[in-house]
Amino acid sequence: MGLFHKVKVGDQVISPIDWEMNPDISFGTFESWGGRERVRNNDECVYYFFVDNWGDEPKLCLMERAVKHAKIMAEIKAPPEMIKQCVKGQGSSSIFEKSYAIDEPIKQWLIGNVLDGGDSQLVVPRVEVVLVEDMGTPLPSATEKPFTGDAALLPSAPDIINDDQIAAVLKKWNFFDSEHNLPGKFENSLISSGNPEVIIDQRTSLMWQRDGLDINSIRTIQRNIEKLNANKFAGFSDWRLPTMEEAMSLMEPEKNAKDVFLHPCFSKEQPFVFVAAQRKPGGYWFVDYKQGRAFWSSGTIPGGFARLVRAVA
C-alpha cells in the first residue's frame, strides 16, 4: 500500500491509495471470502484506481470502497490509448466482467502526473445525480382487474439445473429466452398490492419486490434477506430468492423503454438476479433481464443482484 500518496478530488484530499486493491479482490476483502484479510470496520474506507470498461470507451476511475458501500469518486483523464492498452492486457473476459485492475504504466502515470500535488484538472469528481425512475402506468387493483385466466403454480423449491436441462425448463412454461426460446411469452396478471414497494402477479399468486437488493456475493445476499425478513419488509417475513421458473416468469419478450426485458413497473437497477438454483459440478444460475436469458456462472463475477418473492396466501 502506498502510504504517502494522496489525490485531491474537489476540496477533499484522499489518502492513502491502496495499490494492491482491485475489482477482483474487493468483494473478497469486504465480504466473507477472498485472499486478503477481510475488512470488518464499517467506518474504514479503501481507495484504489481501476479501469471501468462498461461504456463505449474505457475510463480510469478512483473508487471508494467500504463494508457498506462502493462509490466512484472521480474519473481520471489519463491518455486514452494507455487505458485501452490496459484493457487489452486483461485478455478475454465475459460480458459481466468489465472492471479491471490498473497496470504498471497507468500506476506510474498517476504517480508522475496526478498524485501528491499533480495536475488537479486531470481529476474530474463524479457528481451523483439522483434520478426518479419511471415505473410506468400505475397498476390496477384486484377489484379493477379480477383474474379469470388459468393459474400457474410454478416450482418454489431450490433446484439443481444442469446445462442440458435449462432449455426444457424454459419451454415447459413458455418463457421467453433470447438463446433457448425466442417465441416464448408467459402471460402475467400484475396488479397493485396497495404497497408501492411490491406488486402481485395474480396468475402465479406471487408477490414481488419492484426493485430489489444491490449487487453482492451470495452469502451477503442471504444475510440481507434474513435482515429484511426480521424487519418484516412490506409486512411479511417469508421473502426469499425466486426459483428459476419464478424469475423467468417476469421475462418479457421485448425490451421496455428502460432497456430491460421486464414490465416497466419493475426497476431496471437489478439487471441480473440470483435464483434459487445451482449447477453441477458447480456454479450458480442467474436470470438476466438485460440480455433476456438464463445463464450460470462459476463464481468468476463478483456477485449478483436479487429481486425477492413470496407466495400470496
C-alpha atoms as a PDB file:
ATOM      1  CA  MET A   1       0.000   0.000   0.000  1.00  0.00           C
ATOM      2  CA  GLY A   2       1.336   3.451  -0.901  1.00  0.00           C
ATOM      3  CA  LEU A   3       1.128   5.121   2.499  1.00  0.00           C
ATOM      4  CA  PHE A   4       2.197   8.586   1.369  1.00  0.00           C
ATOM      5  CA  HIS A   5       0.361   9.008  -1.930  1.00  0.00           C
ATOM      6  CA  LYS A   6      -2.638  11.317  -1.940  1.00  0.00           C
ATOM      7  CA  VAL A   7      -5.021  12.715  -4.520  1.00  0.00           C
ATOM      8  CA  LYS A   8      -7.265  15.773  -4.387  1.00  0.00           C
ATOM      9  CA  VAL A   9     -10.876  15.288  -5.505  1.00  0.00           C
ATOM     10  CA  GLY A  10     -12.622  18.651  -5.449  1.00  0.00           C
ATOM     11  CA  ASP A  11     -11.978  20.009  -1.953  1.00  0.00           C
ATOM     12  CA  GLN A  12     -11.284  16.562  -0.475  1.00  0.00           C
ATOM     13  CA  VAL A  13      -7.763  15.191  -0.075  1.00  0.00           C
ATOM     14  CA  ILE A  14      -7.806  11.385  -0.221  1.00  0.00           C
ATOM     15  CA  SER A  15      -5.018   9.263   1.242  1.00  0.00           C
ATOM     16  CA  PRO A  16      -3.674   6.616   1.205  1.00  0.00           C
ATOM     17  CA  ILE A  17      -4.056   4.905  -2.156  1.00  0.00           C
ATOM     18  CA  ASP A  18      -4.154   1.108  -1.964  1.00  0.00           C
ATOM     19  CA  TRP A  19      -2.168  -0.165  -4.953  1.00  0.00           C
ATOM     20  CA  GLU A  20      -2.926  -3.807  -4.131  1.00  0.00           C
ATOM     21  CA  MET A  21      -6.713  -3.467  -4.220  1.00  0.00           C
ATOM     22  CA  ASN A  22      -8.601  -4.115  -7.450  1.00  0.00           C
ATOM     23  CA  PRO A  23     -12.148  -5.091  -8.518  1.00  0.00           C
ATOM     24  CA  ASP A  24     -11.348  -8.824  -8.481  1.00  0.00           C
ATOM     25  CA  ILE A  25     -10.461  -8.926  -4.799  1.00  0.00           C
ATOM     26  CA  SER A  26     -12.598  -6.094  -3.414  1.00  0.00           C
ATOM     27  CA  PHE A  27     -15.567  -8.384  -2.703  1.00  0.00           C
ATOM     28  CA  GLY A  28     -13.294 -10.896  -1.025  1.00  0.00           C
ATOM     29  CA  THR A  29     -11.849  -8.185   1.197  1.00  0.00           C
ATOM     30  CA  PHE A  30     -15.150  -6.675   2.226  1.00  0.00           C
ATOM     31  CA  GLU A  31     -17.226  -9.870   2.304  1.00  0.00           C
ATOM     32  CA  SER A  32     -16.563 -13.292   3.815  1.00  0.00           C
ATOM     33  CA  TRP A  33     -14.193 -14.815   1.290  1.00  0.00           C
ATOM     34  CA  GLY A  34     -11.065 -13.982  -0.647  1.00  0.00           C
ATOM     35  CA  GLY A  35      -7.304 -13.935  -0.463  1.00  0.00           C
ATOM     36  CA  ARG A  36      -6.765 -10.780   1.605  1.00  0.00           C
ATOM     37  CA  GLU A  37      -7.524 -10.113   5.224  1.00  0.00           C
ATOM     38  CA  ARG A  38     -11.162  -9.180   5.494  1.00  0.00           C
ATOM     39  CA  VAL A  39     -12.106  -5.603   6.439  1.00  0.00           C
ATOM     40  CA  ARG A  40     -14.577  -5.621   9.320  1.00  0.00           C
ATOM     41  CA  ASN A  41     -14.613  -1.975  10.429  1.00  0.00           C
ATOM     42  CA  ASN A  42     -17.702  -0.349   8.904  1.00  0.00           C
ATOM     43  CA  ASP A  43     -16.028   3.086   9.017  1.00  0.00           C
ATOM     44  CA  GLU A  44     -12.847   2.038   7.211  1.00  0.00           C
ATOM     45  CA  CYS A  45     -12.590   3.156   3.585  1.00  0.00           C
ATOM     46  CA  VAL A  46     -10.125   1.923   0.989  1.00  0.00           C
ATOM     47  CA  TYR A  47      -9.291   3.963  -2.111  1.00  0.00           C
ATOM     48  CA  TYR A  48      -7.977   2.448  -5.322  1.00  0.00           C
ATOM     49  CA  PHE A  49      -7.820   3.127  -9.054  1.00  0.00           C
ATOM     50  CA  PHE A  50      -9.435   0.831 -11.615  1.00  0.00           C
ATOM     51  CA  VAL A  51     -10.484   0.802 -15.265  1.00  0.00           C
ATOM     52  CA  ASP A  52     -14.219   0.936 -15.921  1.00  0.00           C
ATOM     53  CA  ASN A  53     -14.917  -0.660 -19.313  1.00  0.00           C
ATOM     54  CA  TRP A  54     -18.740  -0.791 -19.127  1.00  0.00           C
ATOM     55  CA  GLY A  55     -19.334   2.103 -21.509  1.00  0.00           C
ATOM     56  CA  ASP A  56     -18.376   2.851 -25.077  1.00  0.00           C
ATOM     57  CA  GLU A  57     -14.847   3.862 -24.035  1.00  0.00           C
ATOM     58  CA  PRO A  58     -12.830   2.614 -21.029  1.00  0.00           C
ATOM     59  CA  LYS A  59     -12.309   5.109 -18.205  1.00  0.00           C
ATOM     60  CA  LEU A  60      -9.806   5.352 -15.382  1.00  0.00           C
ATOM     61  CA  CYS A  61     -11.650   5.878 -12.085  1.00  0.00           C
ATOM     62  CA  LEU A  62     -10.992   6.295  -8.380  1.00  0.00           C
ATOM     63  CA  MET A  63     -13.094   4.033  -6.154  1.00  0.00           C
ATOM     64  CA  GLU A  64     -14.044   4.465  -2.507  1.00  0.00           C
ATOM     65  CA  ARG A  65     -14.839   1.043  -1.028  1.00  0.00           C
ATOM     66  CA  ALA A  66     -16.135   0.214   2.426  1.00  0.00           C
ATOM     67  CA  VAL A  67     -18.102  -2.581   4.044  1.00  0.00           C
ATOM     68  CA  LYS A  68     -21.425  -0.903   3.347  1.00  0.00           C
ATOM     69  CA  HIS A  69     -20.832   0.813   0.029  1.00  0.00           C
ATOM     70  CA  ALA A  70     -18.797   1.215  -3.142  1.00  0.00           C
ATOM     71  CA  LYS A  71     -18.636   4.672  -4.700  1.00  0.00           C
ATOM     72  CA  ILE A  72     -16.775   6.039  -7.719  1.00  0.00           C
ATOM     73  CA  MET A  73     -15.211   9.286  -6.511  1.00  0.00           C
ATOM     74  CA  ALA A  74     -13.756  10.634  -9.743  1.00  0.00           C
ATOM     75  CA  GLU A  75     -12.762   9.946 -13.322  1.00  0.00           C
ATOM     76  CA  ILE A  76      -9.087  10.477 -14.122  1.00  0.00           C
ATOM     77  CA  LYS A  77      -8.304  11.944 -17.540  1.00  0.00           C
ATOM     78  CA  ALA A  78      -5.452   9.607 -18.417  1.00  0.00           C
ATOM     79  CA  PRO A  79      -4.249   9.193 -22.033  1.00  0.00           C
ATOM     80  CA  PRO A  80      -6.984   7.158 -23.785  1.00  0.00           C
ATOM     81  CA  GLU A  81      -4.503   4.892 -25.584  1.00  0.00           C
ATOM     82  CA  MET A  82      -2.843   3.988 -22.280  1.00  0.00           C
ATOM     83  CA  ILE A  83      -6.201   2.954 -20.827  1.00  0.00           C
ATOM     84  CA  LYS A  84      -7.071   0.926 -23.924  1.00  0.00           C
ATOM     85  CA  GLN A  85      -3.746  -0.913 -23.735  1.00  0.00           C
ATOM     86  CA  CYS A  86      -4.521  -1.777 -20.103  1.00  0.00           C
ATOM     87  CA  VAL A  87      -7.851  -3.275 -21.180  1.00  0.00           C
ATOM     88  CA  LYS A  88      -6.190  -5.258 -23.965  1.00  0.00           C
ATOM     89  CA  GLY A  89      -3.739  -6.685 -21.473  1.00  0.00           C
ATOM     90  CA  GLN A  90      -6.569  -8.231 -19.444  1.00  0.00           C
ATOM     91  CA  GLY A  91      -7.232 -10.877 -22.104  1.00  0.00           C
ATOM     92  CA  SER A  92     -10.711 -12.157 -22.919  1.00  0.00           C
ATOM     93  CA  SER A  93     -13.483 -11.760 -20.356  1.00  0.00           C
ATOM     94  CA  SER A  94     -17.208 -12.311 -20.056  1.00  0.00           C
ATOM     95  CA  ILE A  95     -19.721  -9.529 -20.620  1.00  0.00           C
ATOM     96  CA  PHE A  96     -20.203  -9.401 -16.845  1.00  0.00           C
ATOM     97  CA  GLU A  97     -16.515  -8.682 -16.088  1.00  0.00           C
ATOM     98  CA  LYS A  98     -15.800  -5.151 -17.247  1.00  0.00           C
ATOM     99  CA  SER A  99     -13.954  -3.613 -14.283  1.00  0.00           C
ATOM    100  CA  TYR A 100     -10.200  -4.155 -14.395  1.00  0.00           C
ATOM    101  CA  ALA A 101      -7.096  -3.627 -12.289  1.00  0.00           C
ATOM    102  CA  ILE A 102      -4.748  -0.909 -13.500  1.00  0.00           C
ATOM    103  CA  ASP A 103      -1.371  -1.911 -14.935  1.00  0.00           C
ATOM    104  CA  GLU A 104       2.103  -0.604 -14.139  1.00  0.00           C
ATOM    105  CA  PRO A 105       2.165   2.096 -16.889  1.00  0.00           C
ATOM    106  CA  ILE A 106      -1.052   3.626 -15.529  1.00  0.00           C
ATOM    107  CA  LYS A 107       0.271   3.472 -11.971  1.00  0.00           C
ATOM    108  CA  GLN A 108       3.465   5.300 -12.907  1.00  0.00           C
ATOM    109  CA  TRP A 109       1.499   7.870 -14.940  1.00  0.00           C
ATOM    110  CA  LEU A 110      -0.707   8.550 -11.909  1.00  0.00           C
ATOM    111  CA  ILE A 111       2.288   8.990  -9.636  1.00  0.00           C
ATOM    112  CA  GLY A 112       4.011  11.288 -12.109  1.00  0.00           C
ATOM    113  CA  ASN A 113       1.038  13.396 -13.185  1.00  0.00           C
ATOM    114  CA  VAL A 114      -1.841  13.269 -10.685  1.00  0.00           C
ATOM    115  CA  LEU A 115      -0.855  12.276  -7.165  1.00  0.00           C
ATOM    116  CA  ASP A 116       0.883  14.335  -4.478  1.00  0.00           C
ATOM    117  CA  GLY A 117       0.171  17.798  -5.857  1.00  0.00           C
ATOM    118  CA  GLY A 118      -0.097  16.849  -9.522  1.00  0.00           C
ATOM    119  CA  ASP A 119      -2.445  18.367 -12.081  1.00  0.00           C
ATOM    120  CA  SER A 120      -5.835  18.615 -10.328  1.00  0.00           C
ATOM    121  CA  GLN A 121      -7.574  19.340 -13.663  1.00  0.00           C
ATOM    122  CA  LEU A 122      -6.978  15.690 -14.596  1.00  0.00           C
ATOM    123  CA  VAL A 123      -9.258  14.630 -11.716  1.00  0.00           C
ATOM    124  CA  VAL A 124     -12.962  15.079 -12.519  1.00  0.00           C
ATOM    125  CA  PRO A 125     -15.168  14.492  -9.445  1.00  0.00           C
ATOM    126  CA  ARG A 126     -18.128  12.214 -10.050  1.00  0.00           C
ATOM    127  CA  VAL A 127     -21.307  14.127  -9.282  1.00  0.00           C
ATOM    128  CA  GLU A 128     -24.088  11.859  -8.124  1.00  0.00           C
ATOM    129  CA  VAL A 129     -27.367  12.608  -9.851  1.00  0.00           C
ATOM    130  CA  VAL A 130     -30.454  11.225  -8.164  1.00  0.00           C
ATOM    131  CA  LEU A 131     -32.932  10.165 -10.821  1.00  0.00           C
ATOM    132  CA  VAL A 132     -36.500   9.118 -10.164  1.00  0.00           C
ATOM    133  CA  GLU A 133     -37.135   6.013 -12.215  1.00  0.00           C
ATOM    134  CA  ASP A 134     -40.242   5.862 -14.365  1.00  0.00           C
ATOM    135  CA  MET A 135     -42.232   2.868 -13.112  1.00  0.00           C
ATOM    136  CA  GLY A 136     -44.828   3.047 -15.863  1.00  0.00           C
ATOM    137  CA  THR A 137     -48.579   3.461 -15.678  1.00  0.00           C
ATOM    138  CA  PRO A 138     -49.985   2.651 -12.209  1.00  0.00           C
ATOM    139  CA  LEU A 139     -51.129  -0.948 -11.969  1.00  0.00           C
ATOM    140  CA  PRO A 140     -54.834  -1.715 -11.439  1.00  0.00           C
ATOM    141  CA  SER A 141     -56.152  -3.203  -8.210  1.00  0.00           C
ATOM    142  CA  ALA A 142     -57.589  -6.702  -7.924  1.00  0.00           C
ATOM    143  CA  THR A 143     -61.063  -5.162  -7.982  1.00  0.00           C
ATOM    144  CA  GLU A 144     -60.306  -3.259 -11.186  1.00  0.00           C
ATOM    145  CA  LYS A 145     -58.663  -6.270 -12.831  1.00  0.00           C
ATOM    146  CA  PRO A 146     -60.081  -9.535 -11.431  1.00  0.00           C
ATOM    147  CA  PHE A 147     -58.184 -12.610 -12.639  1.00  0.00           C
ATOM    148  CA  THR A 148     -60.219 -15.046 -14.739  1.00  0.00           C
ATOM    149  CA  GLY A 149     -57.488 -16.967 -16.558  1.00  0.00           C
ATOM    150  CA  ASP A 150     -55.648 -20.195 -15.870  1.00  0.00           C
ATOM    151  CA  ALA A 151     -53.467 -20.111 -12.752  1.00  0.00           C
ATOM    152  CA  ALA A 152     -49.840 -21.229 -12.996  1.00  0.00           C
ATOM    153  CA  LEU A 153     -48.353 -22.947  -9.949  1.00  0.00           C
ATOM    154  CA  LEU A 154     -44.631 -22.539 -10.503  1.00  0.00           C
ATOM    155  CA  PRO A 155     -41.990 -24.631  -8.682  1.00  0.00           C
ATOM    156  CA  SER A 156     -40.966 -22.884  -5.467  1.00  0.00           C
ATOM    157  CA  ALA A 157     -38.239 -25.159  -4.061  1.00  0.00           C
ATOM    158  CA  PRO A 158     -34.489 -24.648  -4.703  1.00  0.00           C
ATOM    159  CA  ASP A 159     -33.228 -26.851  -7.507  1.00  0.00           C
ATOM    160  CA  ILE A 160     -30.216 -28.237  -9.335  1.00  0.00           C
ATOM    161  CA  ILE A 161     -30.301 -27.465 -13.069  1.00  0.00           C
ATOM    162  CA  ASN A 162     -27.685 -28.733 -15.494  1.00  0.00           C
ATOM    163  CA  ASP A 163     -26.846 -27.212 -18.861  1.00  0.00           C
ATOM    164  CA  ASP A 164     -28.738 -29.827 -20.827  1.00  0.00           C
ATOM    165  CA  GLN A 165     -31.905 -29.261 -18.774  1.00  0.00           C
ATOM    166  CA  ILE A 166     -32.356 -25.489 -18.965  1.00  0.00           C
ATOM    167  CA  ALA A 167     -33.984 -25.367 -22.427  1.00  0.00           C
ATOM    168  CA  ALA A 168     -36.665 -27.862 -21.388  1.00  0.00           C
ATOM    169  CA  VAL A 169     -37.389 -25.880 -18.199  1.00  0.00           C
ATOM    170  CA  LEU A 170     -37.907 -22.691 -20.192  1.00  0.00           C
ATOM    171  CA  LYS A 171     -40.017 -24.264 -22.915  1.00  0.00           C
ATOM    172  CA  LYS A 172     -42.244 -26.128 -20.463  1.00  0.00           C
ATOM    173  CA  TRP A 173     -43.641 -22.827 -19.187  1.00  0.00           C
ATOM    174  CA  ASN A 174     -43.226 -20.937 -22.480  1.00  0.00           C
ATOM    175  CA  PHE A 175     -40.777 -18.420 -21.000  1.00  0.00           C
ATOM    176  CA  PHE A 176     -39.084 -16.074 -23.436  1.00  0.00           C
ATOM    177  CA  ASP A 177     -35.321 -16.605 -23.568  1.00  0.00           C
ATOM    178  CA  SER A 178     -33.117 -14.978 -26.194  1.00  0.00           C
ATOM    179  CA  GLU A 179     -30.987 -18.124 -26.541  1.00  0.00           C
ATOM    180  CA  HIS A 180     -33.331 -21.049 -25.875  1.00  0.00           C
ATOM    181  CA  ASN A 181     -36.911 -19.976 -26.584  1.00  0.00           C
ATOM    182  CA  LEU A 182     -37.357 -16.881 -28.742  1.00  0.00           C
ATOM    183  CA  PRO A 183     -41.097 -17.487 -29.385  1.00  0.00           C
ATOM    184  CA  GLY A 184     -41.836 -17.721 -25.654  1.00  0.00           C
ATOM    185  CA  LYS A 185     -44.298 -15.456 -23.867  1.00  0.00           C
ATOM    186  CA  PHE A 186     -45.553 -16.062 -20.318  1.00  0.00           C
ATOM    187  CA  GLU A 187     -48.716 -14.114 -19.598  1.00  0.00           C
ATOM    188  CA  ASN A 188     -48.785 -12.363 -16.212  1.00  0.00           C
ATOM    189  CA  SER A 189     -51.638 -10.606 -14.451  1.00  0.00           C
ATOM    190  CA  LEU A 190     -49.881  -7.875 -12.482  1.00  0.00           C
ATOM    191  CA  ILE A 191     -51.816  -5.766 -10.006  1.00  0.00           C
ATOM    192  CA  SER A 192     -51.131  -3.240  -7.289  1.00  0.00           C
ATOM    193  CA  SER A 193     -50.711  -4.639  -3.790  1.00  0.00           C
ATOM    194  CA  GLY A 194     -51.554  -1.382  -2.042  1.00  0.00           C
ATOM    195  CA  ASN A 195     -47.872  -1.059  -1.075  1.00  0.00           C
ATOM    196  CA  PRO A 196     -45.745   0.858  -3.624  1.00  0.00           C
ATOM    197  CA  GLU A 197     -42.713  -1.345  -2.898  1.00  0.00           C
ATOM    198  CA  VAL A 198     -44.309  -4.621  -4.015  1.00  0.00           C
ATOM    199  CA  ILE A 199     -46.691  -5.940  -6.673  1.00  0.00           C
ATOM    200  CA  ILE A 200     -48.744  -9.127  -7.083  1.00  0.00           C
ATOM    201  CA  ASP A 201     -48.991 -11.451 -10.054  1.00  0.00           C
ATOM    202  CA  GLN A 202     -52.482 -12.936  -9.850  1.00  0.00           C
ATOM    203  CA  ARG A 203     -51.661 -15.730 -12.288  1.00  0.00           C
ATOM    204  CA  THR A 204     -48.816 -17.172 -10.192  1.00  0.00           C
ATOM    205  CA  SER A 205     -50.044 -15.931  -6.782  1.00  0.00           C
ATOM    206  CA  LEU A 206     -46.632 -14.389  -6.147  1.00  0.00           C
ATOM    207  CA  MET A 207     -45.740 -11.072  -4.532  1.00  0.00           C
ATOM    208  CA  TRP A 208     -42.607  -9.396  -5.897  1.00  0.00           C
ATOM    209  CA  GLN A 209     -40.256  -6.620  -4.912  1.00  0.00           C
ATOM    210  CA  ARG A 210     -40.484  -3.884  -7.508  1.00  0.00           C
ATOM    211  CA  ASP A 211     -36.792  -3.112  -7.074  1.00  0.00           C
ATOM    212  CA  GLY A 212     -34.549  -5.468  -5.094  1.00  0.00           C
ATOM    213  CA  LEU A 213     -31.175  -5.931  -3.431  1.00  0.00           C
ATOM    214  CA  ASP A 214     -27.956  -4.393  -4.714  1.00  0.00           C
ATOM    215  CA  ILE A 215     -25.127  -6.457  -6.175  1.00  0.00           C
ATOM    216  CA  ASN A 216     -23.327  -8.632  -3.642  1.00  0.00           C
ATOM    217  CA  SER A 217     -21.929 -12.086  -3.007  1.00  0.00           C
ATOM    218  CA  ILE A 218     -24.490 -14.844  -2.496  1.00  0.00           C
ATOM    219  CA  ARG A 219     -23.568 -15.051   1.192  1.00  0.00           C
ATOM    220  CA  THR A 220     -24.239 -11.369   1.735  1.00  0.00           C
ATOM    221  CA  ILE A 221     -27.463 -11.595  -0.273  1.00  0.00           C
ATOM    222  CA  GLN A 222     -28.648 -14.373   2.034  1.00  0.00           C
ATOM    223  CA  ARG A 223     -27.740 -12.338   5.125  1.00  0.00           C
ATOM    224  CA  ASN A 224     -29.596  -9.334   3.727  1.00  0.00           C
ATOM    225  CA  ILE A 225     -32.672 -11.483   3.134  1.00  0.00           C
ATOM    226  CA  GLU A 226     -32.553 -12.583   6.782  1.00  0.00           C
ATOM    227  CA  LYS A 227     -32.387  -8.940   7.913  1.00  0.00           C
ATOM    228  CA  LEU A 228     -35.207  -7.941   5.577  1.00  0.00           C
ATOM    229  CA  ASN A 229     -37.385 -10.750   6.950  1.00  0.00           C
ATOM    230  CA  ALA A 230     -36.512  -9.848  10.535  1.00  0.00           C
ATOM    231  CA  ASN A 231     -37.729  -6.321   9.801  1.00  0.00           C
ATOM    232  CA  LYS A 232     -40.868  -7.648   8.042  1.00  0.00           C
ATOM    233  CA  PHE A 233     -40.410  -5.895   4.731  1.00  0.00           C
ATOM    234  CA  ALA A 234     -43.842  -4.851   3.382  1.00  0.00           C
ATOM    235  CA  GLY A 235     -45.341  -6.555   6.448  1.00  0.00           C
ATOM    236  CA  PHE A 236     -44.044 -10.086   5.720  1.00  0.00           C
ATOM    237  CA  SER A 237     -41.194 -12.275   6.957  1.00  0.00           C
ATOM    238  CA  ASP A 238     -41.068 -15.021   4.312  1.00  0.00           C
ATOM    239  CA  TRP A 239     -39.196 -13.308   1.489  1.00  0.00           C
ATOM    240  CA  ARG A 240     -36.765 -15.497  -0.484  1.00  0.00           C
ATOM    241  CA  LEU A 241     -34.854 -15.815  -3.730  1.00  0.00           C
ATOM    242  CA  PRO A 242     -37.096 -16.865  -6.618  1.00  0.00           C
ATOM    243  CA  THR A 243     -36.687 -20.177  -8.365  1.00  0.00           C
ATOM    244  CA  MET A 244     -35.580 -20.235 -11.974  1.00  0.00           C
ATOM    245  CA  GLU A 245     -39.203 -20.617 -13.092  1.00  0.00           C
ATOM    246  CA  GLU A 246     -40.442 -17.795 -10.867  1.00  0.00           C
ATOM    247  CA  ALA A 247     -37.761 -15.345 -12.008  1.00  0.00           C
ATOM    248  CA  MET A 248     -38.235 -16.269 -15.674  1.00  0.00           C
ATOM    249  CA  SER A 249     -41.986 -15.712 -15.366  1.00  0.00           C
ATOM    250  CA  LEU A 250     -41.258 -11.951 -15.262  1.00  0.00           C
ATOM    251  CA  MET A 251     -39.266 -12.020 -18.518  1.00  0.00           C
ATOM    252  CA  GLU A 252     -40.927 -10.018 -21.296  1.00  0.00           C
ATOM    253  CA  PRO A 253     -40.260 -10.895 -24.964  1.00  0.00           C
ATOM    254  CA  GLU A 254     -39.391  -7.283 -25.792  1.00  0.00           C
ATOM    255  CA  LYS A 255     -37.297  -4.664 -24.007  1.00  0.00           C
ATOM    256  CA  ASN A 256     -39.123  -1.789 -22.396  1.00  0.00           C
ATOM    257  CA  ALA A 257     -38.086   1.867 -22.569  1.00  0.00           C
ATOM    258  CA  LYS A 258     -35.627   1.203 -19.724  1.00  0.00           C
ATOM    259  CA  ASP A 259     -33.730  -1.314 -21.898  1.00  0.00           C
ATOM    260  CA  VAL A 260     -34.671  -4.430 -19.901  1.00  0.00           C
ATOM    261  CA  PHE A 261     -36.951  -7.370 -20.709  1.00  0.00           C
ATOM    262  CA  LEU A 262     -39.365  -6.535 -17.890  1.00  0.00           C
ATOM    263  CA  HIS A 263     -42.711  -4.907 -17.290  1.00  0.00           C
ATOM    264  CA  PRO A 264     -41.972  -1.211 -16.604  1.00  0.00           C
ATOM    265  CA  CYS A 265     -43.429  -1.497 -13.085  1.00  0.00           C
ATOM    266  CA  PHE A 266     -40.139  -3.215 -12.110  1.00  0.00           C
ATOM    267  CA  SER A 267     -36.899  -1.325 -11.567  1.00  0.00           C
ATOM    268  CA  LYS A 268     -34.081  -1.613 -14.098  1.00  0.00           C
ATOM    269  CA  GLU A 269     -31.479  -1.380 -11.347  1.00  0.00           C
ATOM    270  CA  GLN A 270     -31.322  -5.180 -10.890  1.00  0.00           C
ATOM    271  CA  PRO A 271     -30.302  -6.229 -14.432  1.00  0.00           C
ATOM    272  CA  PHE A 272     -29.403  -9.810 -13.496  1.00  0.00           C
ATOM    273  CA  VAL A 273     -30.519 -11.635 -10.367  1.00  0.00           C
ATOM    274  CA  PHE A 274     -29.608 -14.694  -8.365  1.00  0.00           C
ATOM    275  CA  VAL A 275     -32.122 -17.536  -8.444  1.00  0.00           C
ATOM    276  CA  ALA A 276     -32.519 -20.484  -6.072  1.00  0.00           C
ATOM    277  CA  ALA A 277     -30.817 -22.891  -8.458  1.00  0.00           C
ATOM    278  CA  GLN A 278     -27.315 -24.274  -8.704  1.00  0.00           C
ATOM    279  CA  ARG A 279     -25.497 -26.217 -11.376  1.00  0.00           C
ATOM    280  CA  LYS A 280     -23.448 -29.392 -11.128  1.00  0.00           C
ATOM    281  CA  PRO A 281     -20.499 -29.763 -10.967  1.00  0.00           C
ATOM    282  CA  GLY A 282     -20.518 -26.136  -9.817  1.00  0.00           C
ATOM    283  CA  GLY A 283     -21.954 -22.677 -10.355  1.00  0.00           C
ATOM    284  CA  TYR A 284     -24.992 -20.509  -9.677  1.00  0.00           C
ATOM    285  CA  TRP A 285     -27.823 -19.741 -12.068  1.00  0.00           C
ATOM    286  CA  PHE A 286     -28.972 -16.198 -12.780  1.00  0.00           C
ATOM    287  CA  VAL A 287     -31.764 -14.600 -14.780  1.00  0.00           C
ATOM    288  CA  ASP A 288     -30.532 -11.701 -16.890  1.00  0.00           C
ATOM    289  CA  TYR A 289     -33.230  -9.157 -17.747  1.00  0.00           C
ATOM    290  CA  LYS A 290     -30.734  -7.032 -19.686  1.00  0.00           C
ATOM    291  CA  GLN A 291     -29.808  -9.779 -22.157  1.00  0.00           C
ATOM    292  CA  GLY A 292     -33.101 -11.683 -21.887  1.00  0.00           C
ATOM    293  CA  ARG A 293     -31.772 -15.055 -20.831  1.00  0.00           C
ATOM    294  CA  ALA A 294     -30.925 -17.520 -18.096  1.00  0.00           C
ATOM    295  CA  PHE A 295     -27.209 -18.119 -17.529  1.00  0.00           C
ATOM    296  CA  TRP A 296     -24.871 -19.674 -14.996  1.00  0.00           C
ATOM    297  CA  SER A 297     -21.567 -18.532 -13.570  1.00  0.00           C
ATOM    298  CA  SER A 298     -18.848 -20.469 -11.796  1.00  0.00           C
ATOM    299  CA  GLY A 299     -18.274 -17.531  -9.486  1.00  0.00           C
ATOM    300  CA  THR A 300     -15.902 -15.523 -11.684  1.00  0.00           C
ATOM    301  CA  ILE A 301     -18.162 -12.483 -11.478  1.00  0.00           C
ATOM    302  CA  PRO A 302     -18.249 -10.552  -8.174  1.00  0.00           C
ATOM    303  CA  GLY A 303     -21.848 -11.416  -7.413  1.00  0.00           C
ATOM    304  CA  GLY A 304     -25.374 -10.645  -8.447  1.00  0.00           C
ATOM    305  CA  PHE A 305     -28.452  -8.619  -7.638  1.00  0.00           C
ATOM    306  CA  ALA A 306     -31.662 -10.016  -6.167  1.00  0.00           C
ATOM    307  CA  ARG A 307     -35.382  -9.449  -6.613  1.00  0.00           C
ATOM    308  CA  LEU A 308     -37.207 -11.238  -3.811  1.00  0.00           C
ATOM    309  CA  VAL A 309     -40.506 -13.055  -3.916  1.00  0.00           C
ATOM    310  CA  ARG A 310     -43.042 -14.658  -1.609  1.00  0.00           C
ATOM    311  CA  ALA A 311     -46.180 -16.666  -2.099  1.00  0.00           C
ATOM    312  CA  VAL A 312     -49.500 -14.901  -1.591  1.00  0.00           C
ATOM    313  CA  ALA A 313     -51.599 -16.898   0.832  1.00  0.00           C
END
